[in-house]
Amino acid sequence: MKRDVATFVSRCLICQQVKIEHQRASGLLQQLDIPVWKWDEISMDFVTGLPQTQRRHDAIWVVVDRLTKSAHFLLIRKDYSVSRLAKIFQQEIVRLHGTPSAIVSDR
């Protein structure tokens, strides 16, 4: 029945004219400029849903230099606070590479 309804709606001219969009229109993708210096611009993301380690880590924080593509893979727990993540970022990234001028993330 669900397939029949979908087929009917897809062929109905009136249904297509009054169809309401449920998502905002996405903007155009903008290409990022190539960084001038290594570790000046970074991208980061979180890999979650992993099995827990013996130290109860269940996620990986991936930090990548946009110029050289070199990366750090930091073991974390997904329940870490923002202040704890900031401390890890300071100890593991800023200590080694300095403070980046730009960070790209989807969060």
PDB file of N, CA and C in Angstrom:
ATOM      1  N   MET A   1       0.825  -1.193   0.000  1.00  0.00           N
ATOM      2  CA  MET A   1       0.000   0.000   0.000  1.00  0.00           C
ATOM      3  C   MET A   1       0.874   1.265   0.000  1.00  0.00           C
ATOM      4  N   LYS A   2       1.957   1.230   0.771  1.00  0.00           N
ATOM      5  CA  LYS A   2       2.849   2.383   0.830  1.00  0.00           C
ATOM      6  C   LYS A   2       3.424   2.695  -0.550  1.00  0.00           C
ATOM      7  N   ARG A   3       3.780   1.660  -1.284  1.00  0.00           N
ATOM      8  CA  ARG A   3       4.316   1.833  -2.635  1.00  0.00           C
ATOM      9  C   ARG A   3       3.251   2.416  -3.561  1.00  0.00           C
ATOM     10  N   ASP A   4       2.010   1.958  -3.407  1.00  0.00           N
ATOM     11  CA  ASP A   4       0.919   2.473  -4.244  1.00  0.00           C
ATOM     12  C   ASP A   4       0.696   3.961  -4.000  1.00  0.00           C
ATOM     13  N   VAL A   5       0.727   4.372  -2.732  1.00  0.00           N
ATOM     14  CA  VAL A   5       0.536   5.788  -2.397  1.00  0.00           C
ATOM     15  C   VAL A   5       1.685   6.616  -2.978  1.00  0.00           C
ATOM     16  N   ALA A   6       2.910   6.136  -2.825  1.00  0.00           N
ATOM     17  CA  ALA A   6       4.065   6.863  -3.362  1.00  0.00           C
ATOM     18  C   ALA A   6       3.978   6.995  -4.876  1.00  0.00           C
ATOM     19  N   THR A   7       3.559   5.948  -5.552  1.00  0.00           N
ATOM     20  CA  THR A   7       3.410   5.984  -7.007  1.00  0.00           C
ATOM     21  C   THR A   7       2.334   6.980  -7.411  1.00  0.00           C
ATOM     22  N   PHE A   8       1.195   6.956  -6.712  1.00  0.00           N
ATOM     23  CA  PHE A   8       0.098   7.873  -7.025  1.00  0.00           C
ATOM     24  C   PHE A   8       0.538   9.326  -6.841  1.00  0.00           C
ATOM     25  N   VAL A   9       1.168   9.622  -5.708  1.00  0.00           N
ATOM     26  CA  VAL A   9       1.590  10.994  -5.417  1.00  0.00           C
ATOM     27  C   VAL A   9       2.637  11.463  -6.429  1.00  0.00           C
ATOM     28  N   SER A  10       3.547  10.582  -6.838  1.00  0.00           N
ATOM     29  CA  SER A  10       4.582  10.988  -7.796  1.00  0.00           C
ATOM     30  C   SER A  10       4.012  11.281  -9.176  1.00  0.00           C
ATOM     31  N   ARG A  11       2.849  10.711  -9.506  1.00  0.00           N
ATOM     32  CA  ARG A  11       2.235  10.926 -10.825  1.00  0.00           C
ATOM     33  C   ARG A  11       1.142  11.998 -10.810  1.00  0.00           C
ATOM     34  N   CYS A  12       0.741  12.438  -9.642  1.00  0.00           N
ATOM     35  CA  CYS A  12      -0.358  13.411  -9.511  1.00  0.00           C
ATOM     36  C   CYS A  12       0.187  14.827  -9.690  1.00  0.00           C
ATOM     37  N   LEU A  13      -0.286  15.543 -10.715  1.00  0.00           N
ATOM     38  CA  LEU A  13       0.189  16.893 -11.010  1.00  0.00           C
ATOM     39  C   LEU A  13      -0.114  17.853  -9.860  1.00  0.00           C
ATOM     40  N   ILE A  14      -1.318  17.800  -9.318  1.00  0.00           N
ATOM     41  CA  ILE A  14      -1.701  18.697  -8.217  1.00  0.00           C
ATOM     42  C   ILE A  14      -0.834  18.423  -6.985  1.00  0.00           C
ATOM     43  N   CYS A  15      -0.597  17.130  -6.699  1.00  0.00           N
ATOM     44  CA  CYS A  15       0.244  16.775  -5.545  1.00  0.00           C
ATOM     45  C   CYS A  15       1.642  17.367  -5.686  1.00  0.00           C
ATOM     46  N   GLN A  16       2.204  17.337  -6.885  1.00  0.00           N
ATOM     47  CA  GLN A  16       3.548  17.854  -7.112  1.00  0.00           C
ATOM     48  C   GLN A  16       3.597  19.380  -7.034  1.00  0.00           C
ATOM     49  N   GLN A  17       2.501  20.055  -7.410  1.00  0.00           N
ATOM     50  CA  GLN A  17       2.480  21.516  -7.397  1.00  0.00           C
ATOM     51  C   GLN A  17       2.352  22.075  -5.989  1.00  0.00           C
ATOM     52  N   VAL A  18       1.691  21.371  -5.103  1.00  0.00           N
ATOM     53  CA  VAL A  18       1.484  21.875  -3.743  1.00  0.00           C
ATOM     54  C   VAL A  18       2.391  21.184  -2.728  1.00  0.00           C
ATOM     55  N   LYS A  19       3.331  20.418  -3.218  1.00  0.00           N
ATOM     56  CA  LYS A  19       4.244  19.695  -2.333  1.00  0.00           C
ATOM     57  C   LYS A  19       5.040  20.689  -1.490  1.00  0.00           C
ATOM     58  N   ILE A  20       5.088  20.442  -0.205  1.00  0.00           N
ATOM     59  CA  ILE A  20       5.803  21.313   0.724  1.00  0.00           C
ATOM     60  C   ILE A  20       7.207  20.754   0.935  1.00  0.00           C
ATOM     61  N   GLU A  21       8.200  21.613   0.795  1.00  0.00           N
ATOM     62  CA  GLU A  21       9.576  21.197   1.078  1.00  0.00           C
ATOM     63  C   GLU A  21       9.778  21.200   2.586  1.00  0.00           C
ATOM     64  N   HIS A  22      10.315  20.119   3.112  1.00  0.00           N
ATOM     65  CA  HIS A  22      10.518  19.994   4.552  1.00  0.00           C
ATOM     66  C   HIS A  22      11.938  20.356   4.973  1.00  0.00           C
ATOM     67  N   GLN A  23      12.781  20.651   4.021  1.00  0.00           N
ATOM     68  CA  GLN A  23      14.151  21.033   4.331  1.00  0.00           C
ATOM     69  C   GLN A  23      14.452  22.383   3.704  1.00  0.00           C
ATOM     70  N   ARG A  24      15.297  23.143   4.401  1.00  0.00           N
ATOM     71  CA  ARG A  24      15.743  24.405   3.831  1.00  0.00           C
ATOM     72  C   ARG A  24      16.624  24.125   2.625  1.00  0.00           C
ATOM     73  N   ALA A  25      16.550  25.008   1.668  1.00  0.00           N
ATOM     74  CA  ALA A  25      17.411  24.856   0.492  1.00  0.00           C
ATOM     75  C   ALA A  25      18.866  24.998   0.921  1.00  0.00           C
ATOM     76  N   SER A  26      19.697  24.099   0.463  1.00  0.00           N
ATOM     77  CA  SER A  26      21.105  24.162   0.850  1.00  0.00           C
ATOM     78  C   SER A  26      21.824  25.208   0.012  1.00  0.00           C
ATOM     79  N   GLY A  27      22.820  25.809   0.613  1.00  0.00           N
ATOM     80  CA  GLY A  27      23.615  26.804  -0.099  1.00  0.00           C
ATOM     81  C   GLY A  27      24.597  26.131  -1.040  1.00  0.00           C
ATOM     82  N   LEU A  28      25.211  26.925  -1.870  1.00  0.00           N
ATOM     83  CA  LEU A  28      26.199  26.395  -2.797  1.00  0.00           C
ATOM     84  C   LEU A  28      27.484  26.061  -2.047  1.00  0.00           C
ATOM     85  N   LEU A  29      28.149  25.001  -2.472  1.00  0.00           N
ATOM     86  CA  LEU A  29      29.419  24.637  -1.862  1.00  0.00           C
ATOM     87  C   LEU A  29      30.478  25.658  -2.245  1.00  0.00           C
ATOM     88  N   GLN A  30      31.291  26.018  -1.287  1.00  0.00           N
ATOM     89  CA  GLN A  30      32.366  26.971  -1.520  1.00  0.00           C
ATOM     90  C   GLN A  30      33.695  26.253  -1.333  1.00  0.00           C
ATOM     91  N   GLN A  31      34.562  26.331  -2.309  1.00  0.00           N
ATOM     92  CA  GLN A  31      35.864  25.700  -2.206  1.00  0.00           C
ATOM     93  C   GLN A  31      36.726  26.463  -1.209  1.00  0.00           C
ATOM     94  N   LEU A  32      37.425  25.725  -0.347  1.00  0.00           N
ATOM     95  CA  LEU A  32      38.303  26.350   0.632  1.00  0.00           C
ATOM     96  C   LEU A  32      39.640  26.685  -0.022  1.00  0.00           C
ATOM     97  N   ASP A  33      40.203  27.832   0.352  1.00  0.00           N
ATOM     98  CA  ASP A  33      41.519  28.218  -0.163  1.00  0.00           C
ATOM     99  C   ASP A  33      42.582  27.261   0.369  1.00  0.00           C
ATOM    100  N   ILE A  34      43.653  27.101  -0.379  1.00  0.00           N
ATOM    101  CA  ILE A  34      44.766  26.259   0.051  1.00  0.00           C
ATOM    102  C   ILE A  34      45.551  27.019   1.119  1.00  0.00           C
ATOM    103  N   PRO A  35      45.791  26.397   2.282  1.00  0.00           N
ATOM    104  CA  PRO A  35      46.547  27.085   3.342  1.00  0.00           C
ATOM    105  C   PRO A  35      47.968  27.410   2.892  1.00  0.00           C
ATOM    106  N   VAL A  36      48.536  28.449   3.495  1.00  0.00           N
ATOM    107  CA  VAL A  36      49.879  28.895   3.142  1.00  0.00           C
ATOM    108  C   VAL A  36      50.940  28.158   3.960  1.00  0.00           C
ATOM    109  N   TRP A  37      50.628  27.804   5.194  1.00  0.00           N
ATOM    110  CA  TRP A  37      51.611  27.204   6.087  1.00  0.00           C
ATOM    111  C   TRP A  37      51.019  25.978   6.760  1.00  0.00           C
ATOM    112  N   LYS A  38      51.862  24.984   7.043  1.00  0.00           N
ATOM    113  CA  LYS A  38      51.373  23.756   7.668  1.00  0.00           C
ATOM    114  C   LYS A  38      50.832  24.029   9.072  1.00  0.00           C
ATOM    115  N   TRP A  39      49.774  23.340   9.403  1.00  0.00           N
ATOM    116  CA  TRP A  39      49.052  23.428  10.674  1.00  0.00           C
ATOM    117  C   TRP A  39      48.494  24.817  10.944  1.00  0.00           C
ATOM    118  N   ASP A  40      48.392  25.666   9.912  1.00  0.00           N
ATOM    119  CA  ASP A  40      47.746  26.967  10.067  1.00  0.00           C
ATOM    120  C   ASP A  40      46.231  26.819   9.975  1.00  0.00           C
ATOM    121  N   GLU A  41      45.778  25.883   9.160  1.00  0.00           N
ATOM    122  CA  GLU A  41      44.348  25.596   9.029  1.00  0.00           C
ATOM    123  C   GLU A  41      44.156  24.097   9.179  1.00  0.00           C
ATOM    124  N   ILE A  42      43.204  23.724  10.035  1.00  0.00           N
ATOM    125  CA  ILE A  42      42.972  22.308  10.298  1.00  0.00           C
ATOM    126  C   ILE A  42      41.501  21.973  10.097  1.00  0.00           C
ATOM    127  N   SER A  43      41.239  20.703   9.913  1.00  0.00           N
ATOM    128  CA  SER A  43      39.860  20.218   9.932  1.00  0.00           C
ATOM    129  C   SER A  43      39.790  19.142  10.995  1.00  0.00           C
ATOM    130  N   MET A  44      38.610  18.954  11.550  1.00  0.00           N
ATOM    131  CA  MET A  44      38.460  17.960  12.604  1.00  0.00           C
ATOM    132  C   MET A  44      37.093  17.310  12.526  1.00  0.00           C
ATOM    133  N   ASP A  45      37.032  16.095  13.032  1.00  0.00           N
ATOM    134  CA  ASP A  45      35.773  15.358  13.085  1.00  0.00           C
ATOM    135  C   ASP A  45      35.886  14.308  14.181  1.00  0.00           C
ATOM    136  N   PHE A  46      34.744  13.761  14.557  1.00  0.00           N
ATOM    137  CA  PHE A  46      34.683  12.743  15.596  1.00  0.00           C
ATOM    138  C   PHE A  46      34.185  11.440  14.990  1.00  0.00           C
ATOM    139  N   VAL A  47      34.865  10.348  15.309  1.00  0.00           N
ATOM    140  CA  VAL A  47      34.416   9.014  14.921  1.00  0.00           C
ATOM    141  C   VAL A  47      33.819   8.400  16.179  1.00  0.00           C
ATOM    142  N   THR A  48      32.514   8.153  16.165  1.00  0.00           N
ATOM    143  CA  THR A  48      31.837   7.640  17.356  1.00  0.00           C
ATOM    144  C   THR A  48      31.216   6.282  17.058  1.00  0.00           C
ATOM    145  N   GLY A  49      30.617   5.697  18.077  1.00  0.00           N
ATOM    146  CA  GLY A  49      29.965   4.407  17.910  1.00  0.00           C
ATOM    147  C   GLY A  49      30.943   3.248  17.897  1.00  0.00           C
ATOM    148  N   LEU A  50      32.120   3.450  18.468  1.00  0.00           N
ATOM    149  CA  LEU A  50      33.138   2.402  18.503  1.00  0.00           C
ATOM    150  C   LEU A  50      33.000   1.577  19.783  1.00  0.00           C
ATOM    151  N   PRO A  51      33.489   0.345  19.787  1.00  0.00           N
ATOM    152  CA  PRO A  51      33.469  -0.433  21.028  1.00  0.00           C
ATOM    153  C   PRO A  51      34.413   0.197  22.056  1.00  0.00           C
ATOM    154  N   GLN A  52      34.061   0.039  23.316  1.00  0.00           N
ATOM    155  CA  GLN A  52      34.847   0.639  24.392  1.00  0.00           C
ATOM    156  C   GLN A  52      36.175  -0.087  24.593  1.00  0.00           C
ATOM    157  N   THR A  53      37.239   0.694  24.826  1.00  0.00           N
ATOM    158  CA  THR A  53      38.541   0.109  25.132  1.00  0.00           C
ATOM    159  C   THR A  53      38.611  -0.194  26.623  1.00  0.00           C
ATOM    160  N   GLN A  54      39.729  -0.748  27.077  1.00  0.00           N
ATOM    161  CA  GLN A  54      39.896  -1.034  28.500  1.00  0.00           C
ATOM    162  C   GLN A  54      39.881   0.238  29.332  1.00  0.00           C
ATOM    163  N   ARG A  55      40.306   1.340  28.741  1.00  0.00           N
ATOM    164  CA  ARG A  55      40.277   2.630  29.447  1.00  0.00           C
ATOM    165  C   ARG A  55      38.983   3.397  29.193  1.00  0.00           C
ATOM    166  N   ARG A  56      37.987   2.719  28.652  1.00  0.00           N
ATOM    167  CA  ARG A  56      36.634   3.246  28.412  1.00  0.00           C
ATOM    168  C   ARG A  56      36.575   4.302  27.306  1.00  0.00           C
ATOM    169  N   HIS A  57      37.585   4.381  26.443  1.00  0.00           N
ATOM    170  CA  HIS A  57      37.490   5.270  25.282  1.00  0.00           C
ATOM    171  C   HIS A  57      36.529   4.638  24.280  1.00  0.00           C
ATOM    172  N   ASP A  58      35.637   5.455  23.711  1.00  0.00           N
ATOM    173  CA  ASP A  58      34.662   4.930  22.753  1.00  0.00           C
ATOM    174  C   ASP A  58      34.531   5.806  21.507  1.00  0.00           C
ATOM    175  N   ALA A  59      35.500   6.712  21.321  1.00  0.00           N
ATOM    176  CA  ALA A  59      35.462   7.605  20.155  1.00  0.00           C
ATOM    177  C   ALA A  59      36.888   8.023  19.796  1.00  0.00           C
ATOM    178  N   ILE A  60      37.046   8.506  18.582  1.00  0.00           N
ATOM    179  CA  ILE A  60      38.336   9.029  18.120  1.00  0.00           C
ATOM    180  C   ILE A  60      38.108  10.437  17.582  1.00  0.00           C
ATOM    181  N   TRP A  61      38.933  11.358  18.033  1.00  0.00           N
ATOM    182  CA  TRP A  61      38.900  12.735  17.550  1.00  0.00           C
ATOM    183  C   TRP A  61      39.995  12.844  16.490  1.00  0.00           C
ATOM    184  N   VAL A  62      39.605  13.110  15.260  1.00  0.00           N
ATOM    185  CA  VAL A  62      40.547  13.182  14.141  1.00  0.00           C
ATOM    186  C   VAL A  62      40.809  14.657  13.827  1.00  0.00           C
ATOM    187  N   VAL A  63      42.078  15.054  13.897  1.00  0.00           N
ATOM    188  CA  VAL A  63      42.486  16.428  13.597  1.00  0.00           C
ATOM    189  C   VAL A  63      43.482  16.356  12.441  1.00  0.00           C
ATOM    190  N   VAL A  64      43.155  17.027  11.325  1.00  0.00           N
ATOM    191  CA  VAL A  64      43.957  16.918  10.099  1.00  0.00           C
ATOM    192  C   VAL A  64      44.440  18.298   9.660  1.00  0.00           C
ATOM    193  N   ASP A  65      45.730  18.387   9.348  1.00  0.00           N
ATOM    194  CA  ASP A  65      46.281  19.600   8.750  1.00  0.00           C
ATOM    195  C   ASP A  65      45.804  19.666   7.305  1.00  0.00           C
ATOM    196  N   ARG A  66      45.198  20.772   6.909  1.00  0.00           N
ATOM    197  CA  ARG A  66      44.620  20.877   5.572  1.00  0.00           C
ATOM    198  C   ARG A  66      45.673  20.977   4.474  1.00  0.00           C
ATOM    199  N   LEU A  67      46.895  21.408   4.788  1.00  0.00           N
ATOM    200  CA  LEU A  67      47.930  21.538   3.761  1.00  0.00           C
ATOM    201  C   LEU A  67      48.656  20.213   3.522  1.00  0.00           C
ATOM    202  N   THR A  68      49.180  19.614   4.578  1.00  0.00           N
ATOM    203  CA  THR A  68      49.998  18.403   4.427  1.00  0.00           C
ATOM    204  C   THR A  68      49.196  17.114   4.553  1.00  0.00           C
ATOM    205  N   LYS A  69      47.969  17.217   5.043  1.00  0.00           N
ATOM    206  CA  LYS A  69      47.092  16.060   5.287  1.00  0.00           C
ATOM    207  C   LYS A  69      47.617  15.152   6.401  1.00  0.00           C
ATOM    208  N   SER A  70      48.596  15.612   7.171  1.00  0.00           N
ATOM    209  CA  SER A  70      49.026  14.818   8.320  1.00  0.00           C
ATOM    210  C   SER A  70      47.952  14.933   9.399  1.00  0.00           C
ATOM    211  N   ALA A  71      47.838  13.892  10.221  1.00  0.00           N
ATOM    212  CA  ALA A  71      46.700  13.824  11.135  1.00  0.00           C
ATOM    213  C   ALA A  71      47.108  13.331  12.515  1.00  0.00           C
ATOM    214  N   HIS A  72      46.291  13.708  13.492  1.00  0.00           N
ATOM    215  CA  HIS A  72      46.372  13.173  14.848  1.00  0.00           C
ATOM    216  C   HIS A  72      45.062  12.443  15.108  1.00  0.00           C
ATOM    217  N   PHE A  73      45.161  11.279  15.728  1.00  0.00           N
ATOM    218  CA  PHE A  73      43.993  10.488  16.092  1.00  0.00           C
ATOM    219  C   PHE A  73      43.989  10.381  17.609  1.00  0.00           C
ATOM    220  N   LEU A  74      43.084  11.109  18.249  1.00  0.00           N
ATOM    221  CA  LEU A  74      43.070  11.218  19.704  1.00  0.00           C
ATOM    222  C   LEU A  74      41.951  10.357  20.283  1.00  0.00           C
ATOM    223  N   LEU A  75      42.312   9.450  21.184  1.00  0.00           N
ATOM    224  CA  LEU A  75      41.310   8.614  21.840  1.00  0.00           C
ATOM    225  C   LEU A  75      40.562   9.444  22.872  1.00  0.00           C
ATOM    226  N   ILE A  76      39.240   9.430  22.780  1.00  0.00           N
ATOM    227  CA  ILE A  76      38.406  10.189  23.714  1.00  0.00           C
ATOM    228  C   ILE A  76      37.187   9.359  24.079  1.00  0.00           C
ATOM    229  N   ARG A  77      36.402   9.901  24.990  1.00  0.00           N
ATOM    230  CA  ARG A  77      35.089   9.338  25.294  1.00  0.00           C
ATOM    231  C   ARG A  77      34.051  10.344  24.824  1.00  0.00           C
ATOM    232  N   LYS A  78      32.948   9.844  24.312  1.00  0.00           N
ATOM    233  CA  LYS A  78      31.960  10.787  23.777  1.00  0.00           C
ATOM    234  C   LYS A  78      31.254  11.579  24.871  1.00  0.00           C
ATOM    235  N   ASP A  79      31.455  11.230  26.140  1.00  0.00           N
ATOM    236  CA  ASP A  79      30.851  12.010  27.223  1.00  0.00           C
ATOM    237  C   ASP A  79      31.813  13.056  27.799  1.00  0.00           C
ATOM    238  N   TYR A  80      32.973  13.271  27.155  1.00  0.00           N
ATOM    239  CA  TYR A  80      33.896  14.314  27.609  1.00  0.00           C
ATOM    240  C   TYR A  80      33.235  15.678  27.473  1.00  0.00           C
ATOM    241  N   SER A  81      33.502  16.558  28.435  1.00  0.00           N
ATOM    242  CA  SER A  81      32.978  17.922  28.389  1.00  0.00           C
ATOM    243  C   SER A  81      33.782  18.751  27.381  1.00  0.00           C
ATOM    244  N   VAL A  82      33.241  19.899  27.039  1.00  0.00           N
ATOM    245  CA  VAL A  82      33.925  20.800  26.107  1.00  0.00           C
ATOM    246  C   VAL A  82      35.246  21.269  26.711  1.00  0.00           C
ATOM    247  N   SER A  83      35.259  21.539  28.011  1.00  0.00           N
ATOM    248  CA  SER A  83      36.500  21.990  28.644  1.00  0.00           C
ATOM    249  C   SER A  83      37.561  20.886  28.622  1.00  0.00           C
ATOM    250  N   ARG A  84      37.145  19.635  28.774  1.00  0.00           N
ATOM    251  CA  ARG A  84      38.093  18.512  28.697  1.00  0.00           C
ATOM    252  C   ARG A  84      38.649  18.389  27.277  1.00  0.00           C
ATOM    253  N   LEU A  85      37.779  18.537  26.265  1.00  0.00           N
ATOM    254  CA  LEU A  85      38.244  18.487  24.875  1.00  0.00           C
ATOM    255  C   LEU A  85      39.193  19.645  24.568  1.00  0.00           C
ATOM    256  N   ALA A  86      38.904  20.823  25.117  1.00  0.00           N
ATOM    257  CA  ALA A  86      39.780  21.980  24.905  1.00  0.00           C
ATOM    258  C   ALA A  86      41.156  21.734  25.518  1.00  0.00           C
ATOM    259  N   LYS A  87      41.178  21.104  26.683  1.00  0.00           N
ATOM    260  CA  LYS A  87      42.450  20.793  27.340  1.00  0.00           C
ATOM    261  C   LYS A  87      43.257  19.790  26.502  1.00  0.00           C
ATOM    262  N   ILE A  88      42.588  18.774  25.978  1.00  0.00           N
ATOM    263  CA  ILE A  88      43.252  17.790  25.116  1.00  0.00           C
ATOM    264  C   ILE A  88      43.779  18.468  23.855  1.00  0.00           C
ATOM    265  N   PHE A  89      42.975  19.354  23.265  1.00  0.00           N
ATOM    266  CA  PHE A  89      43.393  20.082  22.064  1.00  0.00           C
ATOM    267  C   PHE A  89      44.647  20.910  22.350  1.00  0.00           C
ATOM    268  N   GLN A  90      44.663  21.567  23.493  1.00  0.00           N
ATOM    269  CA  GLN A  90      45.819  22.381  23.893  1.00  0.00           C
ATOM    270  C   GLN A  90      47.063  21.507  24.061  1.00  0.00           C
ATOM    271  N   GLN A  91      46.904  20.372  24.736  1.00  0.00           N
ATOM    272  CA  GLN A  91      48.046  19.496  25.026  1.00  0.00           C
ATOM    273  C   GLN A  91      48.567  18.772  23.787  1.00  0.00           C
ATOM    274  N   GLU A  92      47.666  18.351  22.911  1.00  0.00           N
ATOM    275  CA  GLU A  92      48.067  17.487  21.802  1.00  0.00           C
ATOM    276  C   GLU A  92      48.294  18.214  20.472  1.00  0.00           C
ATOM    277  N   ILE A  93      47.603  19.307  20.235  1.00  0.00           N
ATOM    278  CA  ILE A  93      47.709  19.995  18.939  1.00  0.00           C
ATOM    279  C   ILE A  93      48.457  21.320  19.074  1.00  0.00           C
ATOM    280  N   VAL A  94      47.976  22.198  19.942  1.00  0.00           N
ATOM    281  CA  VAL A  94      48.585  23.526  20.082  1.00  0.00           C
ATOM    282  C   VAL A  94      50.020  23.412  20.586  1.00  0.00           C
ATOM    283  N   ARG A  95      50.273  22.508  21.509  1.00  0.00           N
ATOM    284  CA  ARG A  95      51.630  22.324  22.048  1.00  0.00           C
ATOM    285  C   ARG A  95      52.626  21.959  20.945  1.00  0.00           C
ATOM    286  N   LEU A  96      52.198  21.125  20.009  1.00  0.00           N
ATOM    287  CA  LEU A  96      53.094  20.660  18.946  1.00  0.00           C
ATOM    288  C   LEU A  96      53.150  21.583  17.732  1.00  0.00           C
ATOM    289  N   HIS A  97      52.013  22.197  17.387  1.00  0.00           N
ATOM    290  CA  HIS A  97      51.919  22.904  16.107  1.00  0.00           C
ATOM    291  C   HIS A  97      51.540  24.380  16.228  1.00  0.00           C
ATOM    292  N   GLY A  98      51.240  24.853  17.407  1.00  0.00           N
ATOM    293  CA  GLY A  98      50.782  26.227  17.576  1.00  0.00           C
ATOM    294  C   GLY A  98      49.278  26.331  17.365  1.00  0.00           C
ATOM    295  N   THR A  99      48.748  27.518  17.595  1.00  0.00           N
ATOM    296  CA  THR A  99      47.311  27.746  17.468  1.00  0.00           C
ATOM    297  C   THR A  99      46.948  27.944  16.001  1.00  0.00           C
ATOM    298  N   PRO A 100      46.009  27.156  15.474  1.00  0.00           N
ATOM    299  CA  PRO A 100      45.619  27.328  14.070  1.00  0.00           C
ATOM    300  C   PRO A 100      44.824  28.619  13.878  1.00  0.00           C
ATOM    301  N   SER A 101      44.906  29.171  12.686  1.00  0.00           N
ATOM    302  CA  SER A 101      44.136  30.387  12.393  1.00  0.00           C
ATOM    303  C   SER A 101      42.711  30.057  11.960  1.00  0.00           C
ATOM    304  N   ALA A 102      42.472  28.812  11.520  1.00  0.00           N
ATOM    305  CA  ALA A 102      41.127  28.418  11.078  1.00  0.00           C
ATOM    306  C   ALA A 102      40.907  26.937  11.370  1.00  0.00           C
ATOM    307  N   ILE A 103      39.675  26.625  11.775  1.00  0.00           N
ATOM    308  CA  ILE A 103      39.276  25.243  12.038  1.00  0.00           C
ATOM    309  C   ILE A 103      38.013  24.960  11.239  1.00  0.00           C
ATOM    310  N   VAL A 104      38.026  23.877  10.465  1.00  0.00           N
ATOM    311  CA  VAL A 104      36.860  23.466   9.685  1.00  0.00           C
ATOM    312  C   VAL A 104      36.278  22.223  10.339  1.00  0.00           C
ATOM    313  N   SER A 105      34.981  22.274  10.636  1.00  0.00           N
ATOM    314  CA  SER A 105      34.304  21.129  11.240  1.00  0.00           C
ATOM    315  C   SER A 105      32.840  21.168  10.852  1.00  0.00           C
ATOM    316  N   ASP A 106      32.190  20.016  10.921  1.00  0.00           N
ATOM    317  CA  ASP A 106      30.761  19.986  10.623  1.00  0.00           C
ATOM    318  C   ASP A 106      29.924  20.018  11.892  1.00  0.00           C
ATOM    319  N   ARG A 107      30.520  20.236  13.010  1.00  0.00           N
ATOM    320  CA  ARG A 107      29.799  20.266  14.287  1.00  0.00           C
ATOM    321  C   ARG A 107      29.489  21.679  14.685  1.00  0.00           C
TER     322      ARG A 107
END
